[in-house]
Amino acid sequence: MKPFSAFFGDAEYQFMLTFALAGELEQKCGAGIGTICARVFAKHFAQSDITETIRLALIGGGMAPKRAAELVALYATDRPLSESYPLVAKILERRWFGNPHETTNGQA
């Protein structure tokens, strides 16, 4: 799985929720990745499902953890959920389904 680029807050950033980071997401949100995905896809999510998914996917995309936390604080916390939801859904769709443009051996 490769990172993907998306606009968040002030610029385009790389996002990828790796296997290991999905485990950290589970710990932060108190639920398994399947439950988190189900909550987000059904729009029955918790605030931490949104903020932690973005923060961890920024880290997985190559950003320093401190900078990822700063961006989430600026552009996700205390902002309308409708601004962050599409990005979180895309991050989790990539973790669940993979990249639709990659073959199973990672080649496009």
PDB file of N, CA and C in Angstrom:
ATOM      1  N   MET A   1       0.845  -1.174   0.000  1.00  0.00           N
ATOM      2  CA  MET A   1       0.000   0.000   0.000  1.00  0.00           C
ATOM      3  C   MET A   1       0.896   1.244   0.000  1.00  0.00           C
ATOM      4  N   LYS A   2       0.513   2.198  -0.823  1.00  0.00           N
ATOM      5  CA  LYS A   2       1.264   3.443  -0.946  1.00  0.00           C
ATOM      6  C   LYS A   2       0.445   4.597  -0.380  1.00  0.00           C
ATOM      7  N   PRO A   3       1.150   5.656   0.066  1.00  0.00           N
ATOM      8  CA  PRO A   3       0.417   6.833   0.533  1.00  0.00           C
ATOM      9  C   PRO A   3      -0.364   7.480  -0.611  1.00  0.00           C
ATOM     10  N   PHE A   4      -1.389   8.229  -0.264  1.00  0.00           N
ATOM     11  CA  PHE A   4      -2.104   9.022  -1.251  1.00  0.00           C
ATOM     12  C   PHE A   4      -2.066  10.474  -0.807  1.00  0.00           C
ATOM     13  N   SER A   5      -2.224  11.361  -1.755  1.00  0.00           N
ATOM     14  CA  SER A   5      -2.188  12.793  -1.500  1.00  0.00           C
ATOM     15  C   SER A   5      -3.600  13.341  -1.423  1.00  0.00           C
ATOM     16  N   ALA A   6      -3.840  14.219  -0.438  1.00  0.00           N
ATOM     17  CA  ALA A   6      -5.140  14.868  -0.293  1.00  0.00           C
ATOM     18  C   ALA A   6      -4.937  16.206   0.401  1.00  0.00           C
ATOM     19  N   PHE A   7      -5.856  17.123   0.141  1.00  0.00           N
ATOM     20  CA  PHE A   7      -5.812  18.436   0.782  1.00  0.00           C
ATOM     21  C   PHE A   7      -6.336  18.315   2.208  1.00  0.00           C
ATOM     22  N   PHE A   8      -5.611  18.935   3.135  1.00  0.00           N
ATOM     23  CA  PHE A   8      -6.050  18.992   4.525  1.00  0.00           C
ATOM     24  C   PHE A   8      -5.625  20.329   5.108  1.00  0.00           C
ATOM     25  N   GLY A   9      -6.569  21.157   5.431  1.00  0.00           N
ATOM     26  CA  GLY A   9      -6.297  22.427   6.101  1.00  0.00           C
ATOM     27  C   GLY A   9      -5.708  23.507   5.248  1.00  0.00           C
ATOM     28  N   ASP A  10      -4.433  23.368   4.911  1.00  0.00           N
ATOM     29  CA  ASP A  10      -3.741  24.434   4.195  1.00  0.00           C
ATOM     30  C   ASP A  10      -2.939  23.969   2.987  1.00  0.00           C
ATOM     31  N   ALA A  11      -2.857  22.660   2.768  1.00  0.00           N
ATOM     32  CA  ALA A  11      -2.019  22.157   1.678  1.00  0.00           C
ATOM     33  C   ALA A  11      -2.331  20.690   1.397  1.00  0.00           C
ATOM     34  N   GLU A  12      -1.684  20.163   0.379  1.00  0.00           N
ATOM     35  CA  GLU A  12      -1.757  18.735   0.061  1.00  0.00           C
ATOM     36  C   GLU A  12      -0.749  18.014   0.952  1.00  0.00           C
ATOM     37  N   TYR A  13      -1.194  16.916   1.536  1.00  0.00           N
ATOM     38  CA  TYR A  13      -0.330  16.086   2.374  1.00  0.00           C
ATOM     39  C   TYR A  13      -0.478  14.631   1.965  1.00  0.00           C
ATOM     40  N   GLN A  14       0.486  13.821   2.386  1.00  0.00           N
ATOM     41  CA  GLN A  14       0.459  12.381   2.138  1.00  0.00           C
ATOM     42  C   GLN A  14      -0.185  11.684   3.332  1.00  0.00           C
ATOM     43  N   PHE A  15      -1.046  10.712   3.045  1.00  0.00           N
ATOM     44  CA  PHE A  15      -1.760   9.966   4.074  1.00  0.00           C
ATOM     45  C   PHE A  15      -1.626   8.469   3.818  1.00  0.00           C
ATOM     46  N   MET A  16      -1.399   7.716   4.891  1.00  0.00           N
ATOM     47  CA  MET A  16      -1.414   6.260   4.804  1.00  0.00           C
ATOM     48  C   MET A  16      -1.571   5.691   6.215  1.00  0.00           C
ATOM     49  N   LEU A  17      -2.591   4.903   6.408  1.00  0.00           N
ATOM     50  CA  LEU A  17      -2.801   4.235   7.686  1.00  0.00           C
ATOM     51  C   LEU A  17      -2.222   2.833   7.571  1.00  0.00           C
ATOM     52  N   THR A  18      -0.998   2.677   8.054  1.00  0.00           N
ATOM     53  CA  THR A  18      -0.310   1.396   7.972  1.00  0.00           C
ATOM     54  C   THR A  18      -0.935   0.388   8.930  1.00  0.00           C
ATOM     55  N   PHE A  19      -0.542  -0.861   8.795  1.00  0.00           N
ATOM     56  CA  PHE A  19      -1.027  -1.910   9.691  1.00  0.00           C
ATOM     57  C   PHE A  19      -0.712  -1.568  11.143  1.00  0.00           C
ATOM     58  N   ALA A  20       0.534  -1.166  11.406  1.00  0.00           N
ATOM     59  CA  ALA A  20       0.942  -0.838  12.773  1.00  0.00           C
ATOM     60  C   ALA A  20       0.176   0.370  13.300  1.00  0.00           C
ATOM     61  N   LEU A  21      -0.008   1.384  12.475  1.00  0.00           N
ATOM     62  CA  LEU A  21      -0.731   2.571  12.911  1.00  0.00           C
ATOM     63  C   LEU A  21      -2.219   2.294  13.099  1.00  0.00           C
ATOM     64  N   ALA A  22      -2.761   1.354  12.344  1.00  0.00           N
ATOM     65  CA  ALA A  22      -4.151   0.940  12.566  1.00  0.00           C
ATOM     66  C   ALA A  22      -4.281   0.319  13.956  1.00  0.00           C
ATOM     67  N   GLY A  23      -3.258  -0.391  14.401  1.00  0.00           N
ATOM     68  CA  GLY A  23      -3.251  -0.933  15.761  1.00  0.00           C
ATOM     69  C   GLY A  23      -3.248   0.163  16.804  1.00  0.00           C
ATOM     70  N   GLU A  24      -2.484   1.216  16.557  1.00  0.00           N
ATOM     71  CA  GLU A  24      -2.484   2.349  17.484  1.00  0.00           C
ATOM     72  C   GLU A  24      -3.848   3.048  17.463  1.00  0.00           C
ATOM     73  N   LEU A  25      -4.460   3.155  16.280  1.00  0.00           N
ATOM     74  CA  LEU A  25      -5.794   3.737  16.167  1.00  0.00           C
ATOM     75  C   LEU A  25      -6.794   2.952  17.016  1.00  0.00           C
ATOM     76  N   GLU A  26      -6.694   1.646  16.968  1.00  0.00           N
ATOM     77  CA  GLU A  26      -7.572   0.800  17.784  1.00  0.00           C
ATOM     78  C   GLU A  26      -7.425   1.135  19.268  1.00  0.00           C
ATOM     79  N   GLN A  27      -6.183   1.281  19.713  1.00  0.00           N
ATOM     80  CA  GLN A  27      -5.937   1.610  21.119  1.00  0.00           C
ATOM     81  C   GLN A  27      -6.484   2.986  21.478  1.00  0.00           C
ATOM     82  N   LYS A  28      -6.243   3.968  20.621  1.00  0.00           N
ATOM     83  CA  LYS A  28      -6.688   5.338  20.893  1.00  0.00           C
ATOM     84  C   LYS A  28      -8.209   5.457  20.899  1.00  0.00           C
ATOM     85  N   CYS A  29      -8.869   4.670  20.059  1.00  0.00           N
ATOM     86  CA  CYS A  29     -10.329   4.772  19.914  1.00  0.00           C
ATOM     87  C   CYS A  29     -11.080   3.719  20.720  1.00  0.00           C
ATOM     88  N   GLY A  30     -10.375   2.771  21.310  1.00  0.00           N
ATOM     89  CA  GLY A  30     -11.015   1.764  22.136  1.00  0.00           C
ATOM     90  C   GLY A  30     -11.897   0.794  21.375  1.00  0.00           C
ATOM     91  N   ALA A  31     -11.536   0.533  20.120  1.00  0.00           N
ATOM     92  CA  ALA A  31     -12.324  -0.387  19.284  1.00  0.00           C
ATOM     93  C   ALA A  31     -11.425  -0.961  18.212  1.00  0.00           C
ATOM     94  N   GLY A  32     -11.832  -2.098  17.658  1.00  0.00           N
ATOM     95  CA  GLY A  32     -11.103  -2.703  16.556  1.00  0.00           C
ATOM     96  C   GLY A  32     -11.286  -1.913  15.274  1.00  0.00           C
ATOM     97  N   ILE A  33     -10.389  -2.130  14.331  1.00  0.00           N
ATOM     98  CA  ILE A  33     -10.429  -1.380  13.071  1.00  0.00           C
ATOM     99  C   ILE A  33     -11.735  -1.620  12.316  1.00  0.00           C
ATOM    100  N   GLY A  34     -12.278  -2.812  12.375  1.00  0.00           N
ATOM    101  CA  GLY A  34     -13.558  -3.081  11.718  1.00  0.00           C
ATOM    102  C   GLY A  34     -14.685  -2.270  12.319  1.00  0.00           C
ATOM    103  N   THR A  35     -14.683  -2.162  13.639  1.00  0.00           N
ATOM    104  CA  THR A  35     -15.698  -1.358  14.319  1.00  0.00           C
ATOM    105  C   THR A  35     -15.527   0.122  13.994  1.00  0.00           C
ATOM    106  N   ILE A  36     -14.291   0.585  13.973  1.00  0.00           N
ATOM    107  CA  ILE A  36     -14.038   1.997  13.631  1.00  0.00           C
ATOM    108  C   ILE A  36     -14.515   2.276  12.213  1.00  0.00           C
ATOM    109  N   CYS A  37     -14.176   1.392  11.285  1.00  0.00           N
ATOM    110  CA  CYS A  37     -14.632   1.566   9.900  1.00  0.00           C
ATOM    111  C   CYS A  37     -16.156   1.576   9.826  1.00  0.00           C
ATOM    112  N   ALA A  38     -16.781   0.630  10.495  1.00  0.00           N
ATOM    113  CA  ALA A  38     -18.246   0.561  10.476  1.00  0.00           C
ATOM    114  C   ALA A  38     -18.862   1.831  11.035  1.00  0.00           C
ATOM    115  N   ARG A  39     -18.297   2.333  12.131  1.00  0.00           N
ATOM    116  CA  ARG A  39     -18.825   3.569  12.729  1.00  0.00           C
ATOM    117  C   ARG A  39     -18.677   4.742  11.767  1.00  0.00           C
ATOM    118  N   VAL A  40     -17.514   4.857  11.164  1.00  0.00           N
ATOM    119  CA  VAL A  40     -17.275   5.984  10.252  1.00  0.00           C
ATOM    120  C   VAL A  40     -18.148   5.861   9.009  1.00  0.00           C
ATOM    121  N   PHE A  41     -18.172   4.684   8.398  1.00  0.00           N
ATOM    122  CA  PHE A  41     -18.948   4.516   7.169  1.00  0.00           C
ATOM    123  C   PHE A  41     -20.438   4.728   7.403  1.00  0.00           C
ATOM    124  N   ALA A  42     -20.918   4.386   8.605  1.00  0.00           N
ATOM    125  CA  ALA A  42     -22.331   4.575   8.947  1.00  0.00           C
ATOM    126  C   ALA A  42     -22.601   5.967   9.540  1.00  0.00           C
ATOM    127  N   LYS A  43     -21.548   6.760   9.678  1.00  0.00           N
ATOM    128  CA  LYS A  43     -21.626   8.103  10.273  1.00  0.00           C
ATOM    129  C   LYS A  43     -22.123   8.053  11.713  1.00  0.00           C
ATOM    130  N   HIS A  44     -21.662   7.035  12.452  1.00  0.00           N
ATOM    131  CA  HIS A  44     -21.953   6.883  13.876  1.00  0.00           C
ATOM    132  C   HIS A  44     -20.644   6.901  14.661  1.00  0.00           C
ATOM    133  N   PHE A  45     -19.748   7.774  14.282  1.00  0.00           N
ATOM    134  CA  PHE A  45     -18.386   7.800  14.800  1.00  0.00           C
ATOM    135  C   PHE A  45     -18.255   8.675  16.042  1.00  0.00           C
ATOM    136  N   ALA A  46     -17.135   8.467  16.732  1.00  0.00           N
ATOM    137  CA  ALA A  46     -16.733   9.328  17.839  1.00  0.00           C
ATOM    138  C   ALA A  46     -15.747  10.372  17.308  1.00  0.00           C
ATOM    139  N   GLN A  47     -15.606  11.460  18.039  1.00  0.00           N
ATOM    140  CA  GLN A  47     -14.651  12.505  17.639  1.00  0.00           C
ATOM    141  C   GLN A  47     -13.245  11.930  17.472  1.00  0.00           C
ATOM    142  N   SER A  48     -12.840  11.042  18.384  1.00  0.00           N
ATOM    143  CA  SER A  48     -11.495  10.467  18.285  1.00  0.00           C
ATOM    144  C   SER A  48     -11.326   9.615  17.029  1.00  0.00           C
ATOM    145  N   ASP A  49     -12.400   9.015  16.523  1.00  0.00           N
ATOM    146  CA  ASP A  49     -12.303   8.269  15.261  1.00  0.00           C
ATOM    147  C   ASP A  49     -11.824   9.193  14.149  1.00  0.00           C
ATOM    148  N   ILE A  50     -12.286  10.423  14.165  1.00  0.00           N
ATOM    149  CA  ILE A  50     -11.926  11.408  13.144  1.00  0.00           C
ATOM    150  C   ILE A  50     -10.509  11.926  13.360  1.00  0.00           C
ATOM    151  N   THR A  51     -10.259  12.492  14.522  1.00  0.00           N
ATOM    152  CA  THR A  51      -8.973  13.149  14.746  1.00  0.00           C
ATOM    153  C   THR A  51      -7.803  12.174  14.762  1.00  0.00           C
ATOM    154  N   GLU A  52      -7.979  11.025  15.401  1.00  0.00           N
ATOM    155  CA  GLU A  52      -6.875  10.067  15.474  1.00  0.00           C
ATOM    156  C   GLU A  52      -6.591   9.418  14.121  1.00  0.00           C
ATOM    157  N   THR A  53      -7.615   9.194  13.327  1.00  0.00           N
ATOM    158  CA  THR A  53      -7.387   8.628  11.987  1.00  0.00           C
ATOM    159  C   THR A  53      -6.549   9.582  11.152  1.00  0.00           C
ATOM    160  N   ILE A  54      -6.882  10.859  11.170  1.00  0.00           N
ATOM    161  CA  ILE A  54      -6.115  11.833  10.394  1.00  0.00           C
ATOM    162  C   ILE A  54      -4.687  11.931  10.916  1.00  0.00           C
ATOM    163  N   ARG A  55      -4.535  12.067  12.229  1.00  0.00           N
ATOM    164  CA  ARG A  55      -3.192  12.214  12.811  1.00  0.00           C
ATOM    165  C   ARG A  55      -2.298  11.032  12.466  1.00  0.00           C
ATOM    166  N   LEU A  56      -2.816   9.832  12.647  1.00  0.00           N
ATOM    167  CA  LEU A  56      -2.007   8.642  12.393  1.00  0.00           C
ATOM    168  C   LEU A  56      -1.738   8.444  10.905  1.00  0.00           C
ATOM    169  N   ALA A  57      -2.681   8.785  10.054  1.00  0.00           N
ATOM    170  CA  ALA A  57      -2.460   8.654   8.611  1.00  0.00           C
ATOM    171  C   ALA A  57      -1.440   9.676   8.103  1.00  0.00           C
ATOM    172  N   LEU A  58      -1.400  10.858   8.709  1.00  0.00           N
ATOM    173  CA  LEU A  58      -0.343  11.821   8.365  1.00  0.00           C
ATOM    174  C   LEU A  58       1.027  11.260   8.744  1.00  0.00           C
ATOM    175  N   ILE A  59       1.116  10.660   9.918  1.00  0.00           N
ATOM    176  CA  ILE A  59       2.373  10.038  10.344  1.00  0.00           C
ATOM    177  C   ILE A  59       2.740   8.915   9.378  1.00  0.00           C
ATOM    178  N   GLY A  60       1.769   8.086   9.014  1.00  0.00           N
ATOM    179  CA  GLY A  60       2.017   7.009   8.060  1.00  0.00           C
ATOM    180  C   GLY A  60       2.426   7.512   6.693  1.00  0.00           C
ATOM    181  N   GLY A  61       2.013   8.732   6.360  1.00  0.00           N
ATOM    182  CA  GLY A  61       2.398   9.354   5.098  1.00  0.00           C
ATOM    183  C   GLY A  61       3.771   9.997   5.135  1.00  0.00           C
ATOM    184  N   GLY A  62       4.416   9.963   6.308  1.00  0.00           N
ATOM    185  CA  GLY A  62       5.784  10.454   6.409  1.00  0.00           C
ATOM    186  C   GLY A  62       5.981  11.698   7.261  1.00  0.00           C
ATOM    187  N   MET A  63       4.935  12.213   7.858  1.00  0.00           N
ATOM    188  CA  MET A  63       5.043  13.427   8.658  1.00  0.00           C
ATOM    189  C   MET A  63       5.512  13.113  10.078  1.00  0.00           C
ATOM    190  N   ALA A  64       6.238  14.052  10.654  1.00  0.00           N
ATOM    191  CA  ALA A  64       6.669  13.921  12.046  1.00  0.00           C
ATOM    192  C   ALA A  64       5.439  13.946  12.957  1.00  0.00           C
ATOM    193  N   PRO A  65       5.422  13.123  13.999  1.00  0.00           N
ATOM    194  CA  PRO A  65       4.261  13.064  14.885  1.00  0.00           C
ATOM    195  C   PRO A  65       3.851  14.417  15.479  1.00  0.00           C
ATOM    196  N   LYS A  66       4.802  15.219  15.874  1.00  0.00           N
ATOM    197  CA  LYS A  66       4.477  16.518  16.461  1.00  0.00           C
ATOM    198  C   LYS A  66       3.753  17.397  15.447  1.00  0.00           C
ATOM    199  N   ARG A  67       4.246  17.427  14.217  1.00  0.00           N
ATOM    200  CA  ARG A  67       3.613  18.249  13.171  1.00  0.00           C
ATOM    201  C   ARG A  67       2.221  17.715  12.846  1.00  0.00           C
ATOM    202  N   ALA A  68       2.062  16.404  12.811  1.00  0.00           N
ATOM    203  CA  ALA A  68       0.745  15.815  12.546  1.00  0.00           C
ATOM    204  C   ALA A  68      -0.247  16.239  13.622  1.00  0.00           C
ATOM    205  N   ALA A  69       0.158  16.212  14.880  1.00  0.00           N
ATOM    206  CA  ALA A  69      -0.712  16.630  15.979  1.00  0.00           C
ATOM    207  C   ALA A  69      -1.060  18.110  15.862  1.00  0.00           C
ATOM    208  N   GLU A  70      -0.092  18.927  15.462  1.00  0.00           N
ATOM    209  CA  GLU A  70      -0.345  20.362  15.282  1.00  0.00           C
ATOM    210  C   GLU A  70      -1.377  20.610  14.186  1.00  0.00           C
ATOM    211  N   LEU A  71      -1.249  19.920  13.069  1.00  0.00           N
ATOM    212  CA  LEU A  71      -2.198  20.095  11.972  1.00  0.00           C
ATOM    213  C   LEU A  71      -3.604  19.667  12.367  1.00  0.00           C
ATOM    214  N   VAL A  72      -3.712  18.552  13.064  1.00  0.00           N
ATOM    215  CA  VAL A  72      -5.024  18.089  13.518  1.00  0.00           C
ATOM    216  C   VAL A  72      -5.629  19.104  14.484  1.00  0.00           C
ATOM    217  N   ALA A  73      -4.818  19.648  15.383  1.00  0.00           N
ATOM    218  CA  ALA A  73      -5.316  20.657  16.317  1.00  0.00           C
ATOM    219  C   ALA A  73      -5.814  21.902  15.582  1.00  0.00           C
ATOM    220  N   LEU A  74      -5.114  22.279  14.528  1.00  0.00           N
ATOM    221  CA  LEU A  74      -5.501  23.467  13.759  1.00  0.00           C
ATOM    222  C   LEU A  74      -6.703  23.243  12.859  1.00  0.00           C
ATOM    223  N   TYR A  75      -6.741  22.099  12.183  1.00  0.00           N
ATOM    224  CA  TYR A  75      -7.686  21.935  11.082  1.00  0.00           C
ATOM    225  C   TYR A  75      -8.759  20.864  11.271  1.00  0.00           C
ATOM    226  N   ALA A  76      -8.745  20.153  12.382  1.00  0.00           N
ATOM    227  CA  ALA A  76      -9.796  19.156  12.622  1.00  0.00           C
ATOM    228  C   ALA A  76     -10.510  19.404  13.945  1.00  0.00           C
ATOM    229  N   THR A  77      -9.748  19.719  14.995  1.00  0.00           N
ATOM    230  CA  THR A  77     -10.346  19.977  16.301  1.00  0.00           C
ATOM    231  C   THR A  77     -11.078  21.312  16.251  1.00  0.00           C
ATOM    232  N   ASP A  78     -12.268  21.337  16.773  1.00  0.00           N
ATOM    233  CA  ASP A  78     -13.102  22.543  16.820  1.00  0.00           C
ATOM    234  C   ASP A  78     -13.484  23.066  15.435  1.00  0.00           C
ATOM    235  N   ARG A  79     -13.468  22.199  14.442  1.00  0.00           N
ATOM    236  CA  ARG A  79     -13.952  22.533  13.096  1.00  0.00           C
ATOM    237  C   ARG A  79     -15.170  21.641  12.834  1.00  0.00           C
ATOM    238  N   PRO A  80     -16.013  22.029  11.903  1.00  0.00           N
ATOM    239  CA  PRO A  80     -17.157  21.175  11.571  1.00  0.00           C
ATOM    240  C   PRO A  80     -16.700  19.782  11.129  1.00  0.00           C
ATOM    241  N   LEU A  81     -17.350  18.765  11.631  1.00  0.00           N
ATOM    242  CA  LEU A  81     -17.000  17.387  11.268  1.00  0.00           C
ATOM    243  C   LEU A  81     -17.140  17.151   9.767  1.00  0.00           C
ATOM    244  N   SER A  82     -18.040  17.866   9.132  1.00  0.00           N
ATOM    245  CA  SER A  82     -18.250  17.692   7.694  1.00  0.00           C
ATOM    246  C   SER A  82     -17.014  18.047   6.877  1.00  0.00           C
ATOM    247  N   GLU A  83     -16.100  18.829   7.439  1.00  0.00           N
ATOM    248  CA  GLU A  83     -14.857  19.167   6.734  1.00  0.00           C
ATOM    249  C   GLU A  83     -13.864  18.006   6.743  1.00  0.00           C
ATOM    250  N   SER A  84     -13.810  17.275   7.844  1.00  0.00           N
ATOM    251  CA  SER A  84     -12.830  16.190   7.992  1.00  0.00           C
ATOM    252  C   SER A  84     -13.360  14.829   7.582  1.00  0.00           C
ATOM    253  N   TYR A  85     -14.660  14.647   7.641  1.00  0.00           N
ATOM    254  CA  TYR A  85     -15.249  13.333   7.385  1.00  0.00           C
ATOM    255  C   TYR A  85     -14.842  12.726   6.037  1.00  0.00           C
ATOM    256  N   PRO A  86     -14.915  13.466   4.917  1.00  0.00           N
ATOM    257  CA  PRO A  86     -14.554  12.828   3.635  1.00  0.00           C
ATOM    258  C   PRO A  86     -13.118  12.301   3.609  1.00  0.00           C
ATOM    259  N   LEU A  87     -12.206  13.021   4.227  1.00  0.00           N
ATOM    260  CA  LEU A  87     -10.816  12.570   4.279  1.00  0.00           C
ATOM    261  C   LEU A  87     -10.691  11.302   5.112  1.00  0.00           C
ATOM    262  N   VAL A  88     -11.333  11.267   6.262  1.00  0.00           N
ATOM    263  CA  VAL A  88     -11.275  10.089   7.133  1.00  0.00           C
ATOM    264  C   VAL A  88     -11.883   8.876   6.429  1.00  0.00           C
ATOM    265  N   ALA A  89     -12.997   9.079   5.749  1.00  0.00           N
ATOM    266  CA  ALA A  89     -13.614   7.973   5.014  1.00  0.00           C
ATOM    267  C   ALA A  89     -12.656   7.434   3.955  1.00  0.00           C
ATOM    268  N   LYS A  90     -11.946   8.329   3.258  1.00  0.00           N
ATOM    269  CA  LYS A  90     -10.996   7.882   2.234  1.00  0.00           C
ATOM    270  C   LYS A  90      -9.813   7.130   2.856  1.00  0.00           C
ATOM    271  N   ILE A  91      -9.311   7.633   3.970  1.00  0.00           N
ATOM    272  CA  ILE A  91      -8.198   6.960   4.662  1.00  0.00           C
ATOM    273  C   ILE A  91      -8.611   5.539   5.039  1.00  0.00           C
ATOM    274  N   LEU A  92      -9.782   5.405   5.643  1.00  0.00           N
ATOM    275  CA  LEU A  92     -10.239   4.083   6.090  1.00  0.00           C
ATOM    276  C   LEU A  92     -10.622   3.187   4.912  1.00  0.00           C
ATOM    277  N   GLU A  93     -11.164   3.757   3.856  1.00  0.00           N
ATOM    278  CA  GLU A  93     -11.449   2.958   2.654  1.00  0.00           C
ATOM    279  C   GLU A  93     -10.158   2.371   2.089  1.00  0.00           C
ATOM    280  N   ARG A  94      -9.086   3.159   2.082  1.00  0.00           N
ATOM    281  CA  ARG A  94      -7.792   2.655   1.594  1.00  0.00           C
ATOM    282  C   ARG A  94      -7.268   1.531   2.488  1.00  0.00           C
ATOM    283  N   ARG A  95      -7.454   1.657   3.799  1.00  0.00           N
ATOM    284  CA  ARG A  95      -7.004   0.593   4.712  1.00  0.00           C
ATOM    285  C   ARG A  95      -7.847  -0.659   4.498  1.00  0.00           C
ATOM    286  N   TRP A  96      -9.141  -0.496   4.288  1.00  0.00           N
ATOM    287  CA  TRP A  96     -10.067  -1.613   4.156  1.00  0.00           C
ATOM    288  C   TRP A  96      -9.951  -2.292   2.795  1.00  0.00           C
ATOM    289  N   PHE A  97      -9.976  -1.498   1.728  1.00  0.00           N
ATOM    290  CA  PHE A  97     -10.024  -2.035   0.372  1.00  0.00           C
ATOM    291  C   PHE A  97      -8.693  -2.001  -0.371  1.00  0.00           C
ATOM    292  N   GLY A  98      -7.735  -1.210   0.090  1.00  0.00           N
ATOM    293  CA  GLY A  98      -6.489  -1.007  -0.637  1.00  0.00           C
ATOM    294  C   GLY A  98      -6.660   0.089  -1.671  1.00  0.00           C
ATOM    295  N   ASN A  99      -5.621   0.291  -2.445  1.00  0.00           N
ATOM    296  CA  ASN A  99      -5.645   1.289  -3.505  1.00  0.00           C
ATOM    297  C   ASN A  99      -6.311   0.683  -4.728  1.00  0.00           C
ATOM    298  N   PRO A 100      -7.387   1.294  -5.222  1.00  0.00           N
ATOM    299  CA  PRO A 100      -8.081   0.701  -6.369  1.00  0.00           C
ATOM    300  C   PRO A 100      -7.245   0.697  -7.647  1.00  0.00           C
ATOM    301  N   HIS A 101      -6.126   1.444  -7.660  1.00  0.00           N
ATOM    302  CA  HIS A 101      -5.301   1.527  -8.863  1.00  0.00           C
ATOM    303  C   HIS A 101      -4.042   0.654  -8.779  1.00  0.00           C
ATOM    304  N   GLU A 102      -3.906  -0.120  -7.713  1.00  0.00           N
ATOM    305  CA  GLU A 102      -2.777  -1.031  -7.569  1.00  0.00           C
ATOM    306  C   GLU A 102      -3.237  -2.462  -7.788  1.00  0.00           C
ATOM    307  N   THR A 103      -2.383  -3.250  -8.381  1.00  0.00           N
ATOM    308  CA  THR A 103      -2.655  -4.686  -8.476  1.00  0.00           C
ATOM    309  C   THR A 103      -2.165  -5.338  -7.192  1.00  0.00           C
ATOM    310  N   THR A 104      -2.389  -6.611  -7.046  1.00  0.00           N
ATOM    311  CA  THR A 104      -2.013  -7.291  -5.803  1.00  0.00           C
ATOM    312  C   THR A 104      -0.516  -7.309  -5.559  1.00  0.00           C
ATOM    313  N   ASN A 105       0.296  -7.160  -6.586  1.00  0.00           N
ATOM    314  CA  ASN A 105       1.741  -7.135  -6.379  1.00  0.00           C
ATOM    315  C   ASN A 105       2.276  -5.727  -6.209  1.00  0.00           C
ATOM    316  N   GLY A 106       1.393  -4.721  -6.067  1.00  0.00           N
ATOM    317  CA  GLY A 106       1.819  -3.359  -5.806  1.00  0.00           C
ATOM    318  C   GLY A 106       2.087  -2.536  -7.040  1.00  0.00           C
ATOM    319  N   GLN A 107       1.976  -3.125  -8.219  1.00  0.00           N
ATOM    320  CA  GLN A 107       2.204  -2.411  -9.462  1.00  0.00           C
ATOM    321  C   GLN A 107       0.912  -1.792  -9.967  1.00  0.00           C
ATOM    322  N   ALA A 108       1.012  -0.583 -10.479  1.00  0.00           N
ATOM    323  CA  ALA A 108      -0.173   0.077 -11.042  1.00  0.00           C
ATOM    324  C   ALA A 108      -0.397  -0.373 -12.463  1.00  0.00           C
TER     325      ALA A 108
END
